[in-house]
Amino acid sequence: MIYIIMGVSGCGKSTLGAFLSEKLGWPMHEGDDYHPQENIEKMARGEPLTDQDRFPWLLKLHEVIERERCSGSDALVVCSALKRIYREILLFGSKALLASTPDQDILPPASPGVFFLFLYGDYDFLHQRMVARRGHYMKADMLRSQFDALEPPLDEENVLLLDIKRSIPDIAVEVEKHAFGYKSSPRP
């Protein structure tokens, strides 16, 4: 089982990931660690990333997800996954980029055993949180571009909606219940 913890910058993805990793004993893969240096420098200058900047990074994360899935391991992956195409790349790799051409098969909306944990909240709450945050290359004034790019996931994408106004331990309890329910239910 793989959980991809997603949402805009400052929503608590890394904090929840670290908490769940400790609590569940699952490895956590921090998406920021897979960004090429050029992306980090661009964001540090206050420049939003383009799709072309993100695609190689998302393909690297897809490889991580596939490696964990193929090994039968449980894992957590932290990634903003703001757009549906980004989530499709995480699930299906380069096939997602090819699926946008007319002669390609349509991809399913979800992948078995992979779930998105969507941490959502309002702009003002998140902006205040980001202004108080220290030592992160993603600046608070870039939050608007993340909200502008955000395509909230649909139910068909195997998503669990998690309100960031709740505490991390409270959110973790909901995730644990979901994981237990999934693992204890029969698979076709």
N, C-alpha and C. Protein backbone atom coordinates (compact mmCIF):
# COMPACT_ATOMS: atom_id res chain seq x y z
N MET A 1 0.85 -1.17 0.00
CA MET A 1 0.00 0.00 0.00
C MET A 1 0.89 1.23 0.00
N ILE A 2 0.55 2.17 -0.85
CA ILE A 2 1.31 3.41 -0.98
C ILE A 2 0.35 4.58 -0.73
N TYR A 3 0.77 5.49 0.13
CA TYR A 3 0.05 6.74 0.31
C TYR A 3 0.90 7.86 -0.27
N ILE A 4 0.31 8.63 -1.18
CA ILE A 4 0.94 9.83 -1.71
C ILE A 4 0.30 11.01 -0.99
N ILE A 5 1.09 11.69 -0.17
CA ILE A 5 0.58 12.80 0.62
C ILE A 5 0.73 14.07 -0.22
N MET A 6 -0.40 14.68 -0.57
CA MET A 6 -0.41 15.76 -1.54
C MET A 6 -1.10 17.02 -1.02
N GLY A 7 -0.81 18.12 -1.69
CA GLY A 7 -1.43 19.41 -1.38
C GLY A 7 -0.46 20.53 -1.69
N VAL A 8 -0.92 21.74 -1.55
CA VAL A 8 -0.08 22.90 -1.84
C VAL A 8 1.01 23.03 -0.78
N SER A 9 1.98 23.86 -1.08
CA SER A 9 3.08 24.10 -0.15
C SER A 9 2.55 24.65 1.17
N GLY A 10 3.11 24.17 2.27
CA GLY A 10 2.73 24.66 3.58
C GLY A 10 1.56 23.95 4.22
N CYS A 11 0.98 22.95 3.53
CA CYS A 11 -0.21 22.29 4.09
C CYS A 11 0.14 21.23 5.13
N GLY A 12 1.41 20.87 5.27
CA GLY A 12 1.79 19.90 6.28
C GLY A 12 2.12 18.51 5.74
N LYS A 13 2.40 18.43 4.45
CA LYS A 13 2.70 17.13 3.83
C LYS A 13 3.87 16.42 4.53
N SER A 14 4.96 17.13 4.67
CA SER A 14 6.16 16.53 5.26
C SER A 14 5.96 16.21 6.74
N THR A 15 5.27 17.08 7.43
CA THR A 15 4.99 16.85 8.85
C THR A 15 4.13 15.60 9.03
N LEU A 16 3.06 15.49 8.24
CA LEU A 16 2.21 14.30 8.32
C LEU A 16 2.99 13.06 7.90
N GLY A 17 3.77 13.18 6.83
CA GLY A 17 4.56 12.05 6.37
C GLY A 17 5.51 11.53 7.43
N ALA A 18 6.23 12.43 8.09
CA ALA A 18 7.16 12.02 9.14
C ALA A 18 6.42 11.38 10.32
N PHE A 19 5.28 11.95 10.67
CA PHE A 19 4.47 11.41 11.77
C PHE A 19 3.99 10.00 11.44
N LEU A 20 3.42 9.84 10.23
CA LEU A 20 2.92 8.52 9.82
C LEU A 20 4.06 7.51 9.68
N SER A 21 5.20 7.95 9.16
CA SER A 21 6.35 7.06 9.01
C SER A 21 6.77 6.50 10.36
N GLU A 22 6.82 7.36 11.35
CA GLU A 22 7.19 6.94 12.71
C GLU A 22 6.13 6.00 13.29
N LYS A 23 4.87 6.38 13.12
CA LYS A 23 3.76 5.63 13.73
C LYS A 23 3.53 4.27 13.07
N LEU A 24 3.60 4.24 11.72
CA LEU A 24 3.32 3.01 10.99
C LEU A 24 4.57 2.17 10.72
N GLY A 25 5.74 2.79 10.84
CA GLY A 25 6.98 2.10 10.53
C GLY A 25 7.21 1.94 9.03
N TRP A 26 6.60 2.82 8.24
CA TRP A 26 6.74 2.79 6.78
C TRP A 26 7.82 3.79 6.37
N PRO A 27 8.56 3.49 5.30
CA PRO A 27 9.51 4.48 4.80
C PRO A 27 8.78 5.67 4.18
N MET A 28 9.39 6.84 4.31
CA MET A 28 8.83 8.05 3.70
C MET A 28 9.82 8.57 2.67
N HIS A 29 9.31 8.85 1.48
CA HIS A 29 10.10 9.44 0.41
C HIS A 29 9.65 10.88 0.25
N GLU A 30 10.53 11.81 0.61
CA GLU A 30 10.24 13.24 0.53
C GLU A 30 10.45 13.72 -0.90
N GLY A 31 9.36 14.12 -1.56
CA GLY A 31 9.43 14.54 -2.95
C GLY A 31 10.42 15.65 -3.21
N ASP A 32 10.56 16.57 -2.25
CA ASP A 32 11.49 17.69 -2.43
C ASP A 32 12.92 17.19 -2.65
N ASP A 33 13.26 16.03 -2.08
CA ASP A 33 14.61 15.49 -2.22
C ASP A 33 14.91 15.02 -3.64
N TYR A 34 13.90 14.88 -4.46
CA TYR A 34 14.07 14.38 -5.83
C TYR A 34 14.08 15.50 -6.88
N HIS A 35 13.86 16.74 -6.42
CA HIS A 35 13.91 17.88 -7.36
C HIS A 35 15.33 18.08 -7.85
N PRO A 36 15.50 18.33 -9.15
CA PRO A 36 16.84 18.72 -9.61
C PRO A 36 17.19 20.10 -9.04
N GLN A 37 18.48 20.36 -8.94
CA GLN A 37 18.96 21.62 -8.36
C GLN A 37 18.37 22.84 -9.07
N GLU A 38 18.19 22.74 -10.40
CA GLU A 38 17.62 23.87 -11.15
C GLU A 38 16.23 24.23 -10.65
N ASN A 39 15.41 23.22 -10.32
CA ASN A 39 14.07 23.49 -9.81
C ASN A 39 14.13 24.19 -8.46
N ILE A 40 15.02 23.72 -7.60
CA ILE A 40 15.15 24.31 -6.26
C ILE A 40 15.59 25.78 -6.38
N GLU A 41 16.55 26.03 -7.25
CA GLU A 41 17.03 27.41 -7.44
C GLU A 41 15.92 28.30 -8.01
N LYS A 42 15.16 27.76 -8.93
CA LYS A 42 14.07 28.53 -9.53
C LYS A 42 13.03 28.91 -8.47
N MET A 43 12.63 27.94 -7.64
CA MET A 43 11.65 28.22 -6.59
C MET A 43 12.22 29.19 -5.56
N ALA A 44 13.51 29.06 -5.24
CA ALA A 44 14.14 29.96 -4.28
C ALA A 44 14.16 31.40 -4.79
N ARG A 45 14.18 31.57 -6.12
CA ARG A 45 14.12 32.92 -6.72
C ARG A 45 12.69 33.44 -6.80
N GLY A 46 11.71 32.60 -6.40
CA GLY A 46 10.32 33.02 -6.45
C GLY A 46 9.65 32.76 -7.78
N GLU A 47 10.24 31.90 -8.61
CA GLU A 47 9.68 31.58 -9.91
C GLU A 47 8.91 30.26 -9.83
N PRO A 48 7.63 30.27 -10.20
CA PRO A 48 6.87 29.01 -10.19
C PRO A 48 7.43 28.04 -11.23
N LEU A 49 7.36 26.76 -10.91
CA LEU A 49 7.80 25.73 -11.85
C LEU A 49 6.77 25.56 -12.95
N THR A 50 7.23 25.24 -14.14
CA THR A 50 6.35 24.92 -15.26
C THR A 50 6.12 23.42 -15.29
N ASP A 51 5.18 22.99 -16.11
CA ASP A 51 4.99 21.55 -16.30
C ASP A 51 6.28 20.90 -16.77
N GLN A 52 6.98 21.56 -17.67
CA GLN A 52 8.23 20.99 -18.20
C GLN A 52 9.28 20.84 -17.10
N ASP A 53 9.28 21.74 -16.12
CA ASP A 53 10.19 21.62 -14.98
C ASP A 53 9.81 20.41 -14.13
N ARG A 54 8.52 20.19 -13.99
CA ARG A 54 8.03 19.16 -13.07
C ARG A 54 8.07 17.73 -13.64
N PHE A 55 7.90 17.57 -14.95
CA PHE A 55 7.76 16.22 -15.51
C PHE A 55 8.93 15.29 -15.17
N PRO A 56 10.20 15.69 -15.33
CA PRO A 56 11.30 14.77 -14.98
C PRO A 56 11.29 14.41 -13.49
N TRP A 57 10.95 15.37 -12.64
CA TRP A 57 10.86 15.14 -11.20
C TRP A 57 9.75 14.13 -10.89
N LEU A 58 8.59 14.31 -11.51
CA LEU A 58 7.47 13.39 -11.29
C LEU A 58 7.80 11.98 -11.79
N LEU A 59 8.52 11.89 -12.89
CA LEU A 59 8.91 10.57 -13.41
C LEU A 59 9.87 9.87 -12.45
N LYS A 60 10.74 10.62 -11.78
CA LYS A 60 11.62 10.02 -10.76
C LYS A 60 10.79 9.48 -9.60
N LEU A 61 9.79 10.26 -9.18
CA LEU A 61 8.93 9.81 -8.09
C LEU A 61 8.10 8.60 -8.50
N HIS A 62 7.69 8.54 -9.76
CA HIS A 62 6.99 7.36 -10.26
C HIS A 62 7.86 6.11 -10.10
N GLU A 63 9.14 6.24 -10.41
CA GLU A 63 10.07 5.11 -10.25
C GLU A 63 10.14 4.66 -8.79
N VAL A 64 10.14 5.60 -7.86
CA VAL A 64 10.16 5.27 -6.44
C VAL A 64 8.89 4.51 -6.07
N ILE A 65 7.75 5.01 -6.52
CA ILE A 65 6.46 4.37 -6.22
C ILE A 65 6.43 2.96 -6.79
N GLU A 66 6.86 2.81 -8.04
CA GLU A 66 6.86 1.49 -8.67
C GLU A 66 7.80 0.53 -7.95
N ARG A 67 8.95 1.01 -7.54
CA ARG A 67 9.90 0.15 -6.81
C ARG A 67 9.26 -0.35 -5.52
N GLU A 68 8.58 0.53 -4.80
CA GLU A 68 7.92 0.13 -3.54
C GLU A 68 6.76 -0.83 -3.82
N ARG A 69 5.96 -0.53 -4.84
CA ARG A 69 4.82 -1.40 -5.18
C ARG A 69 5.31 -2.79 -5.57
N CYS A 70 6.32 -2.85 -6.44
CA CYS A 70 6.81 -4.15 -6.93
C CYS A 70 7.44 -4.98 -5.82
N SER A 71 7.97 -4.32 -4.81
CA SER A 71 8.56 -5.07 -3.69
C SER A 71 7.50 -5.50 -2.68
N GLY A 72 6.27 -5.02 -2.87
CA GLY A 72 5.19 -5.36 -1.94
C GLY A 72 5.26 -4.58 -0.65
N SER A 73 6.08 -3.54 -0.62
CA SER A 73 6.25 -2.74 0.59
C SER A 73 5.16 -1.69 0.73
N ASP A 74 4.94 -1.29 1.96
CA ASP A 74 4.12 -0.12 2.25
C ASP A 74 5.05 1.08 2.26
N ALA A 75 4.57 2.22 1.81
CA ALA A 75 5.42 3.41 1.79
C ALA A 75 4.58 4.68 1.73
N LEU A 76 5.23 5.77 2.09
CA LEU A 76 4.66 7.11 2.01
C LEU A 76 5.50 7.91 1.04
N VAL A 77 4.83 8.68 0.18
CA VAL A 77 5.52 9.56 -0.75
C VAL A 77 4.91 10.95 -0.57
N VAL A 78 5.76 11.93 -0.37
CA VAL A 78 5.31 13.31 -0.18
C VAL A 78 5.55 14.07 -1.49
N CYS A 79 4.45 14.57 -2.06
CA CYS A 79 4.54 15.27 -3.35
C CYS A 79 3.32 16.16 -3.50
N SER A 80 3.51 17.38 -3.97
CA SER A 80 2.38 18.30 -4.11
C SER A 80 1.28 17.74 -5.01
N ALA A 81 1.64 17.11 -6.13
CA ALA A 81 0.67 16.47 -7.04
C ALA A 81 -0.52 17.37 -7.34
N LEU A 82 -0.24 18.62 -7.69
CA LEU A 82 -1.28 19.63 -7.80
C LEU A 82 -2.28 19.38 -8.93
N LYS A 83 -1.82 18.86 -10.06
CA LYS A 83 -2.70 18.66 -11.22
C LYS A 83 -2.96 17.19 -11.45
N ARG A 84 -4.09 16.92 -12.10
CA ARG A 84 -4.42 15.53 -12.40
C ARG A 84 -3.33 14.86 -13.24
N ILE A 85 -2.77 15.56 -14.22
CA ILE A 85 -1.71 14.96 -15.04
C ILE A 85 -0.51 14.60 -14.18
N TYR A 86 -0.22 15.39 -13.16
CA TYR A 86 0.89 15.07 -12.27
C TYR A 86 0.61 13.77 -11.52
N ARG A 87 -0.63 13.62 -11.04
CA ARG A 87 -1.00 12.41 -10.31
C ARG A 87 -0.97 11.20 -11.25
N GLU A 88 -1.38 11.40 -12.50
CA GLU A 88 -1.31 10.31 -13.48
C GLU A 88 0.14 9.91 -13.75
N ILE A 89 1.04 10.88 -13.82
CA ILE A 89 2.46 10.55 -14.02
C ILE A 89 2.99 9.77 -12.81
N LEU A 90 2.61 10.17 -11.62
CA LEU A 90 3.04 9.43 -10.43
C LEU A 90 2.58 7.97 -10.49
N LEU A 91 1.37 7.75 -10.99
CA LEU A 91 0.81 6.40 -11.05
C LEU A 91 1.30 5.59 -12.25
N PHE A 92 1.39 6.25 -13.42
CA PHE A 92 1.61 5.51 -14.66
C PHE A 92 2.87 5.91 -15.43
N GLY A 93 3.65 6.83 -14.90
CA GLY A 93 4.89 7.23 -15.53
C GLY A 93 4.68 7.87 -16.89
N SER A 94 5.57 7.58 -17.81
CA SER A 94 5.53 8.22 -19.13
C SER A 94 4.27 7.85 -19.92
N LYS A 95 3.60 6.76 -19.56
CA LYS A 95 2.33 6.40 -20.22
C LYS A 95 1.31 7.53 -20.07
N ALA A 96 1.39 8.24 -18.95
CA ALA A 96 0.45 9.35 -18.72
C ALA A 96 0.69 10.48 -19.71
N LEU A 97 1.94 10.71 -20.06
CA LEU A 97 2.25 11.75 -21.04
C LEU A 97 1.81 11.34 -22.43
N LEU A 98 1.89 10.05 -22.73
CA LEU A 98 1.46 9.54 -24.04
C LEU A 98 -0.05 9.46 -24.15
N ALA A 99 -0.73 9.29 -23.02
CA ALA A 99 -2.19 9.13 -23.03
C ALA A 99 -2.91 10.38 -23.50
N SER A 100 -2.21 11.49 -23.53
CA SER A 100 -2.86 12.73 -23.97
C SER A 100 -2.93 12.82 -25.49
N THR A 101 -2.31 11.86 -26.19
CA THR A 101 -2.40 11.84 -27.65
C THR A 101 -3.61 11.01 -28.07
N PRO A 102 -4.25 11.36 -29.19
CA PRO A 102 -5.51 10.72 -29.58
C PRO A 102 -5.44 9.21 -29.80
N ASP A 103 -4.31 8.68 -30.22
CA ASP A 103 -4.24 7.25 -30.54
C ASP A 103 -3.86 6.38 -29.34
N GLN A 104 -3.81 6.92 -28.15
CA GLN A 104 -3.43 6.16 -26.97
C GLN A 104 -4.66 5.79 -26.14
N ASP A 105 -4.53 4.68 -25.40
CA ASP A 105 -5.61 4.25 -24.51
C ASP A 105 -5.77 5.25 -23.37
N ILE A 106 -7.00 5.35 -22.88
CA ILE A 106 -7.29 6.18 -21.71
C ILE A 106 -6.82 5.42 -20.47
N LEU A 107 -6.15 6.12 -19.57
CA LEU A 107 -5.66 5.49 -18.34
C LEU A 107 -6.78 5.42 -17.31
N PRO A 108 -6.75 4.41 -16.45
CA PRO A 108 -7.73 4.37 -15.36
C PRO A 108 -7.46 5.53 -14.40
N PRO A 109 -8.47 5.95 -13.64
CA PRO A 109 -8.29 7.09 -12.74
C PRO A 109 -7.45 6.77 -11.50
N ALA A 110 -7.25 5.49 -11.22
CA ALA A 110 -6.54 5.10 -10.00
C ALA A 110 -5.70 3.86 -10.26
N SER A 111 -4.84 3.56 -9.32
CA SER A 111 -3.99 2.39 -9.38
C SER A 111 -4.22 1.59 -8.10
N PRO A 112 -4.44 0.27 -8.19
CA PRO A 112 -4.74 -0.52 -6.98
C PRO A 112 -3.64 -0.39 -5.92
N GLY A 113 -4.07 -0.15 -4.70
CA GLY A 113 -3.13 -0.07 -3.59
C GLY A 113 -2.40 1.25 -3.44
N VAL A 114 -2.73 2.23 -4.29
CA VAL A 114 -2.12 3.56 -4.19
C VAL A 114 -3.23 4.56 -3.91
N PHE A 115 -3.05 5.33 -2.84
CA PHE A 115 -4.05 6.31 -2.43
C PHE A 115 -3.42 7.68 -2.26
N PHE A 116 -4.18 8.70 -2.58
CA PHE A 116 -3.76 10.08 -2.36
C PHE A 116 -4.37 10.58 -1.07
N LEU A 117 -3.55 11.16 -0.21
CA LEU A 117 -4.02 11.84 0.99
C LEU A 117 -3.95 13.33 0.68
N PHE A 118 -5.11 13.93 0.41
CA PHE A 118 -5.16 15.34 0.00
C PHE A 118 -5.36 16.23 1.22
N LEU A 119 -4.30 16.93 1.60
CA LEU A 119 -4.36 17.89 2.69
C LEU A 119 -4.85 19.22 2.13
N TYR A 120 -6.03 19.63 2.53
CA TYR A 120 -6.60 20.85 1.97
C TYR A 120 -6.88 21.88 3.07
N GLY A 121 -6.85 23.14 2.66
CA GLY A 121 -7.14 24.24 3.56
C GLY A 121 -7.26 25.52 2.76
N ASP A 122 -7.67 26.60 3.43
CA ASP A 122 -7.86 27.84 2.69
C ASP A 122 -6.56 28.64 2.59
N TYR A 123 -6.53 29.52 1.60
CA TYR A 123 -5.33 30.29 1.27
C TYR A 123 -4.80 31.09 2.46
N ASP A 124 -5.67 31.84 3.13
CA ASP A 124 -5.21 32.72 4.21
C ASP A 124 -4.56 31.93 5.35
N PHE A 125 -5.17 30.82 5.73
CA PHE A 125 -4.63 29.97 6.79
C PHE A 125 -3.24 29.47 6.40
N LEU A 126 -3.11 28.99 5.16
CA LEU A 126 -1.83 28.46 4.70
C LEU A 126 -0.78 29.56 4.54
N HIS A 127 -1.19 30.72 4.06
CA HIS A 127 -0.24 31.82 3.89
C HIS A 127 0.36 32.22 5.24
N GLN A 128 -0.47 32.32 6.27
CA GLN A 128 0.03 32.65 7.61
C GLN A 128 1.02 31.59 8.08
N ARG A 129 0.72 30.34 7.82
CA ARG A 129 1.60 29.25 8.22
C ARG A 129 2.95 29.35 7.50
N MET A 130 2.90 29.67 6.21
CA MET A 130 4.14 29.74 5.43
C MET A 130 5.00 30.95 5.82
N VAL A 131 4.36 32.06 6.15
CA VAL A 131 5.11 33.25 6.58
C VAL A 131 5.90 32.93 7.85
N ALA A 132 5.33 32.13 8.73
CA ALA A 132 5.99 31.77 9.99
C ALA A 132 7.06 30.69 9.80
N ARG A 133 7.06 30.00 8.69
CA ARG A 133 7.99 28.89 8.44
C ARG A 133 9.38 29.41 8.10
N ARG A 134 10.39 28.76 8.62
CA ARG A 134 11.78 29.16 8.37
C ARG A 134 12.55 28.03 7.69
N GLY A 135 13.51 28.43 6.86
CA GLY A 135 14.45 27.46 6.30
C GLY A 135 13.94 26.64 5.13
N HIS A 136 12.86 27.02 4.50
CA HIS A 136 12.34 26.29 3.34
C HIS A 136 12.49 27.16 2.11
N TYR A 137 12.90 26.55 0.99
CA TYR A 137 13.14 27.34 -0.22
C TYR A 137 11.86 27.86 -0.86
N MET A 138 10.72 27.25 -0.56
CA MET A 138 9.45 27.68 -1.13
C MET A 138 8.95 28.88 -0.34
N LYS A 139 8.91 30.02 -0.98
CA LYS A 139 8.52 31.26 -0.31
C LYS A 139 7.01 31.42 -0.27
N ALA A 140 6.53 32.13 0.76
CA ALA A 140 5.09 32.31 0.97
C ALA A 140 4.42 33.01 -0.22
N ASP A 141 5.15 33.91 -0.90
CA ASP A 141 4.51 34.62 -2.00
C ASP A 141 4.29 33.75 -3.23
N MET A 142 4.78 32.51 -3.20
CA MET A 142 4.52 31.58 -4.31
C MET A 142 3.27 30.72 -4.08
N LEU A 143 2.68 30.86 -2.91
CA LEU A 143 1.51 30.05 -2.58
C LEU A 143 0.36 30.28 -3.57
N ARG A 144 0.16 31.53 -3.99
CA ARG A 144 -0.93 31.83 -4.93
C ARG A 144 -0.80 31.00 -6.20
N SER A 145 0.43 30.87 -6.72
CA SER A 145 0.61 30.09 -7.96
C SER A 145 0.25 28.62 -7.73
N GLN A 146 0.47 28.12 -6.53
CA GLN A 146 0.10 26.73 -6.23
C GLN A 146 -1.42 26.58 -6.20
N PHE A 147 -2.10 27.53 -5.58
CA PHE A 147 -3.57 27.48 -5.56
C PHE A 147 -4.14 27.62 -6.98
N ASP A 148 -3.51 28.47 -7.78
CA ASP A 148 -3.97 28.65 -9.16
C ASP A 148 -3.81 27.36 -9.98
N ALA A 149 -2.75 26.61 -9.71
CA ALA A 149 -2.48 25.37 -10.45
C ALA A 149 -3.28 24.18 -9.92
N LEU A 150 -3.74 24.25 -8.68
CA LEU A 150 -4.37 23.10 -8.03
C LEU A 150 -5.63 22.64 -8.75
N GLU A 151 -5.66 21.35 -9.06
CA GLU A 151 -6.85 20.65 -9.54
C GLU A 151 -7.17 19.60 -8.49
N PRO A 152 -8.09 19.93 -7.55
CA PRO A 152 -8.36 18.98 -6.47
C PRO A 152 -8.72 17.60 -7.03
N PRO A 153 -8.23 16.54 -6.39
CA PRO A 153 -8.51 15.20 -6.89
C PRO A 153 -9.99 14.84 -6.73
N LEU A 154 -10.44 13.98 -7.63
CA LEU A 154 -11.81 13.48 -7.60
C LEU A 154 -11.85 12.18 -6.83
N ASP A 155 -13.04 11.81 -6.34
CA ASP A 155 -13.20 10.56 -5.59
C ASP A 155 -12.65 9.36 -6.35
N GLU A 156 -12.83 9.35 -7.67
CA GLU A 156 -12.39 8.21 -8.47
C GLU A 156 -10.87 8.01 -8.47
N GLU A 157 -10.14 8.99 -7.95
CA GLU A 157 -8.68 8.91 -7.91
C GLU A 157 -8.14 8.26 -6.64
N ASN A 158 -8.98 7.53 -5.89
CA ASN A 158 -8.54 6.91 -4.63
C ASN A 158 -7.98 7.97 -3.68
N VAL A 159 -8.83 8.89 -3.29
CA VAL A 159 -8.38 10.01 -2.46
C VAL A 159 -9.07 10.02 -1.11
N LEU A 160 -8.31 10.39 -0.10
CA LEU A 160 -8.83 10.63 1.23
C LEU A 160 -8.65 12.13 1.49
N LEU A 161 -9.75 12.84 1.72
CA LEU A 161 -9.71 14.29 1.94
C LEU A 161 -9.44 14.57 3.42
N LEU A 162 -8.42 15.38 3.70
CA LEU A 162 -8.00 15.64 5.07
C LEU A 162 -7.86 17.14 5.30
N ASP A 163 -8.68 17.68 6.17
CA ASP A 163 -8.70 19.12 6.48
C ASP A 163 -7.51 19.46 7.38
N ILE A 164 -6.67 20.40 6.95
CA ILE A 164 -5.45 20.72 7.69
C ILE A 164 -5.70 21.51 8.97
N LYS A 165 -6.93 21.91 9.22
CA LYS A 165 -7.20 22.58 10.49
C LYS A 165 -7.26 21.57 11.63
N ARG A 166 -7.32 20.29 11.28
CA ARG A 166 -7.27 19.24 12.29
C ARG A 166 -5.81 19.01 12.69
N SER A 167 -5.62 18.41 13.85
CA SER A 167 -4.25 18.14 14.31
C SER A 167 -3.65 16.97 13.51
N ILE A 168 -2.33 16.95 13.46
CA ILE A 168 -1.63 15.87 12.77
C ILE A 168 -1.98 14.51 13.40
N PRO A 169 -1.96 14.37 14.73
CA PRO A 169 -2.35 13.07 15.31
C PRO A 169 -3.78 12.66 14.95
N ASP A 170 -4.70 13.62 14.88
CA ASP A 170 -6.09 13.32 14.52
C ASP A 170 -6.17 12.85 13.06
N ILE A 171 -5.46 13.52 12.18
CA ILE A 171 -5.43 13.12 10.78
C ILE A 171 -4.82 11.72 10.66
N ALA A 172 -3.74 11.48 11.42
CA ALA A 172 -3.07 10.18 11.36
C ALA A 172 -3.98 9.04 11.79
N VAL A 173 -4.85 9.27 12.77
CA VAL A 173 -5.81 8.24 13.19
C VAL A 173 -6.73 7.88 12.03
N GLU A 174 -7.20 8.88 11.31
CA GLU A 174 -8.07 8.61 10.15
C GLU A 174 -7.33 7.81 9.08
N VAL A 175 -6.07 8.15 8.83
CA VAL A 175 -5.28 7.44 7.84
C VAL A 175 -5.05 5.99 8.29
N GLU A 176 -4.73 5.81 9.56
CA GLU A 176 -4.52 4.45 10.10
C GLU A 176 -5.77 3.60 9.94
N LYS A 177 -6.93 4.17 10.24
CA LYS A 177 -8.20 3.43 10.09
C LYS A 177 -8.39 3.05 8.62
N HIS A 178 -8.09 3.97 7.72
CA HIS A 178 -8.22 3.68 6.29
C HIS A 178 -7.28 2.55 5.89
N ALA A 179 -6.04 2.62 6.31
CA ALA A 179 -5.05 1.59 5.97
C ALA A 179 -5.48 0.23 6.51
N PHE A 180 -5.92 0.20 7.76
CA PHE A 180 -6.35 -1.06 8.36
C PHE A 180 -7.56 -1.62 7.62
N GLY A 181 -8.53 -0.75 7.30
CA GLY A 181 -9.72 -1.19 6.57
C GLY A 181 -9.36 -1.74 5.19
N TYR A 182 -8.45 -1.08 4.52
CA TYR A 182 -8.04 -1.54 3.19
C TYR A 182 -7.32 -2.87 3.26
N LYS A 183 -6.41 -2.99 4.20
CA LYS A 183 -5.60 -4.21 4.31
C LYS A 183 -6.43 -5.40 4.79
N SER A 184 -7.49 -5.15 5.55
CA SER A 184 -8.29 -6.26 6.08
C SER A 184 -9.44 -6.65 5.17
N SER A 185 -9.67 -5.88 4.08
CA SER A 185 -10.75 -6.24 3.17
C SER A 185 -10.22 -7.13 2.04
N PRO A 186 -11.05 -8.08 1.58
CA PRO A 186 -10.59 -8.99 0.53
C PRO A 186 -10.38 -8.27 -0.80
N ARG A 187 -9.38 -8.69 -1.54
CA ARG A 187 -9.07 -8.14 -2.86
C ARG A 187 -9.61 -9.08 -3.94
N PRO A 188 -10.16 -8.51 -5.03
CA PRO A 188 -10.66 -9.37 -6.11
C PRO A 188 -9.52 -10.07 -6.84
